[in-house]
Amino acid sequence: MGNVKTSFILPRDLYSELKKRAAEEGRTVKEIVIEAILSYLSSSGKKSRIKELILKPSEGAGPEDMREFRGEDVD
């Protein structure tokens, strides 16, 4: 099963706060978003499967995708 690269629009203030918090915690925005999604979905009891699907790099991914996979902030 492959990965899906997606984008979405956030209010600027929300994104700014998210980036600030990520920097304060020494984490990437991606890590925090994934954690939030996992937290939301964990009530279904399928957290380990969901995490496996999210964190597995997709075959044929480009350099930008691989930097994101390694947790680098690429924006």
C-alpha atoms as a PDB file:
ATOM      1  CA  MET A   1       0.000   0.000   0.000  1.00  0.00           C
ATOM      2  CA  GLY A   2       1.411   3.411  -0.924  1.00  0.00           C
ATOM      3  CA  ASN A   3       1.341   6.756   0.763  1.00  0.00           C
ATOM      4  CA  VAL A   4      -0.741   9.748  -0.170  1.00  0.00           C
ATOM      5  CA  LYS A   5       0.687  13.220  -0.288  1.00  0.00           C
ATOM      6  CA  THR A   6      -1.989  15.739   0.530  1.00  0.00           C
ATOM      7  CA  SER A   7      -2.321  19.415   1.172  1.00  0.00           C
ATOM      8  CA  PHE A   8      -4.901  21.499   2.929  1.00  0.00           C
ATOM      9  CA  ILE A   9      -5.482  25.094   3.837  1.00  0.00           C
ATOM     10  CA  LEU A  10      -5.141  26.235   7.440  1.00  0.00           C
ATOM     11  CA  PRO A  11      -5.835  29.664   8.851  1.00  0.00           C
ATOM     12  CA  ARG A  12      -2.524  31.554   8.897  1.00  0.00           C
ATOM     13  CA  ASP A  13      -2.680  32.180  12.662  1.00  0.00           C
ATOM     14  CA  LEU A  14      -3.272  28.483  13.356  1.00  0.00           C
ATOM     15  CA  TYR A  15      -0.336  27.443  11.167  1.00  0.00           C
ATOM     16  CA  SER A  16       1.919  30.065  12.760  1.00  0.00           C
ATOM     17  CA  GLU A  17       1.055  28.747  16.222  1.00  0.00           C
ATOM     18  CA  LEU A  18       1.611  25.174  15.044  1.00  0.00           C
ATOM     19  CA  LYS A  19       5.083  26.021  13.651  1.00  0.00           C
ATOM     20  CA  LYS A  20       5.953  27.917  16.832  1.00  0.00           C
ATOM     21  CA  ARG A  21       4.940  24.977  19.026  1.00  0.00           C
ATOM     22  CA  ALA A  22       6.831  22.536  16.822  1.00  0.00           C
ATOM     23  CA  ALA A  23       9.983  24.647  17.102  1.00  0.00           C
ATOM     24  CA  GLU A  24       9.610  24.934  20.879  1.00  0.00           C
ATOM     25  CA  GLU A  25       9.321  21.156  21.136  1.00  0.00           C
ATOM     26  CA  GLY A  26      12.122  20.446  18.653  1.00  0.00           C
ATOM     27  CA  ARG A  27       9.680  18.643  16.379  1.00  0.00           C
ATOM     28  CA  THR A  28       8.372  19.116  12.866  1.00  0.00           C
ATOM     29  CA  VAL A  29       4.922  20.264  11.875  1.00  0.00           C
ATOM     30  CA  LYS A  30       4.478  16.902  10.161  1.00  0.00           C
ATOM     31  CA  GLU A  31       5.139  15.020  13.407  1.00  0.00           C
ATOM     32  CA  ILE A  32       2.579  17.068  15.279  1.00  0.00           C
ATOM     33  CA  VAL A  33      -0.056  16.702  12.556  1.00  0.00           C
ATOM     34  CA  ILE A  34       0.484  12.938  12.423  1.00  0.00           C
ATOM     35  CA  GLU A  35       0.239  12.752  16.200  1.00  0.00           C
ATOM     36  CA  ALA A  36      -3.020  14.711  16.115  1.00  0.00           C
ATOM     37  CA  ILE A  37      -4.471  12.434  13.429  1.00  0.00           C
ATOM     38  CA  LEU A  38      -3.411   9.324  15.336  1.00  0.00           C
ATOM     39  CA  SER A  39      -4.925  10.700  18.510  1.00  0.00           C
ATOM     40  CA  TYR A  40      -8.193  11.376  16.710  1.00  0.00           C
ATOM     41  CA  LEU A  41      -8.288   7.919  15.154  1.00  0.00           C
ATOM     42  CA  SER A  42      -6.968   5.964  18.139  1.00  0.00           C
ATOM     43  CA  SER A  43     -10.415   5.488  19.605  1.00  0.00           C
ATOM     44  CA  SER A  44     -11.000   2.902  16.868  1.00  0.00           C
ATOM     45  CA  GLY A  45      -8.238   0.696  18.338  1.00  0.00           C
ATOM     46  CA  LYS A  46      -6.303   0.578  15.052  1.00  0.00           C
ATOM     47  CA  LYS A  47      -3.531   3.016  16.014  1.00  0.00           C
ATOM     48  CA  SER A  48      -0.598   0.722  15.154  1.00  0.00           C
ATOM     49  CA  ARG A  49      -1.952  -0.048  11.673  1.00  0.00           C
ATOM     50  CA  ILE A  50      -2.702   3.603  10.994  1.00  0.00           C
ATOM     51  CA  LYS A  51       0.770   4.655  12.170  1.00  0.00           C
ATOM     52  CA  GLU A  52       2.364   2.017   9.935  1.00  0.00           C
ATOM     53  CA  LEU A  53       0.427   3.318   6.951  1.00  0.00           C
ATOM     54  CA  ILE A  54       1.289   6.944   7.631  1.00  0.00           C
ATOM     55  CA  LEU A  55       4.997   6.502   8.285  1.00  0.00           C
ATOM     56  CA  LYS A  56       5.893   4.074   5.494  1.00  0.00           C
ATOM     57  CA  PRO A  57       7.589   5.938   2.591  1.00  0.00           C
ATOM     58  CA  SER A  58       6.024   5.440  -0.811  1.00  0.00           C
ATOM     59  CA  GLU A  59       7.969   3.658  -3.547  1.00  0.00           C
ATOM     60  CA  GLY A  60       9.039   6.164  -6.172  1.00  0.00           C
ATOM     61  CA  ALA A  61       8.902   9.116  -3.789  1.00  0.00           C
ATOM     62  CA  GLY A  62      10.900  12.158  -4.825  1.00  0.00           C
ATOM     63  CA  PRO A  63      13.611  13.943  -2.813  1.00  0.00           C
ATOM     64  CA  GLU A  64      11.122  16.339  -1.207  1.00  0.00           C
ATOM     65  CA  ASP A  65       8.972  13.420  -0.093  1.00  0.00           C
ATOM     66  CA  MET A  66      11.944  11.669   1.459  1.00  0.00           C
ATOM     67  CA  ARG A  67      12.982  14.819   3.360  1.00  0.00           C
ATOM     68  CA  GLU A  68       9.449  14.995   4.745  1.00  0.00           C
ATOM     69  CA  PHE A  69       9.592  11.299   5.667  1.00  0.00           C
ATOM     70  CA  ARG A  70      12.796  11.885   7.626  1.00  0.00           C
ATOM     71  CA  GLY A  71      10.981  14.633   9.529  1.00  0.00           C
ATOM     72  CA  GLU A  72      12.535  17.650   7.861  1.00  0.00           C
ATOM     73  CA  ASP A  73      10.425  20.769   7.487  1.00  0.00           C
ATOM     74  CA  VAL A  74      10.411  21.413   3.738  1.00  0.00           C
ATOM     75  CA  ASP A  75       8.233  24.479   3.412  1.00  0.00           C
END
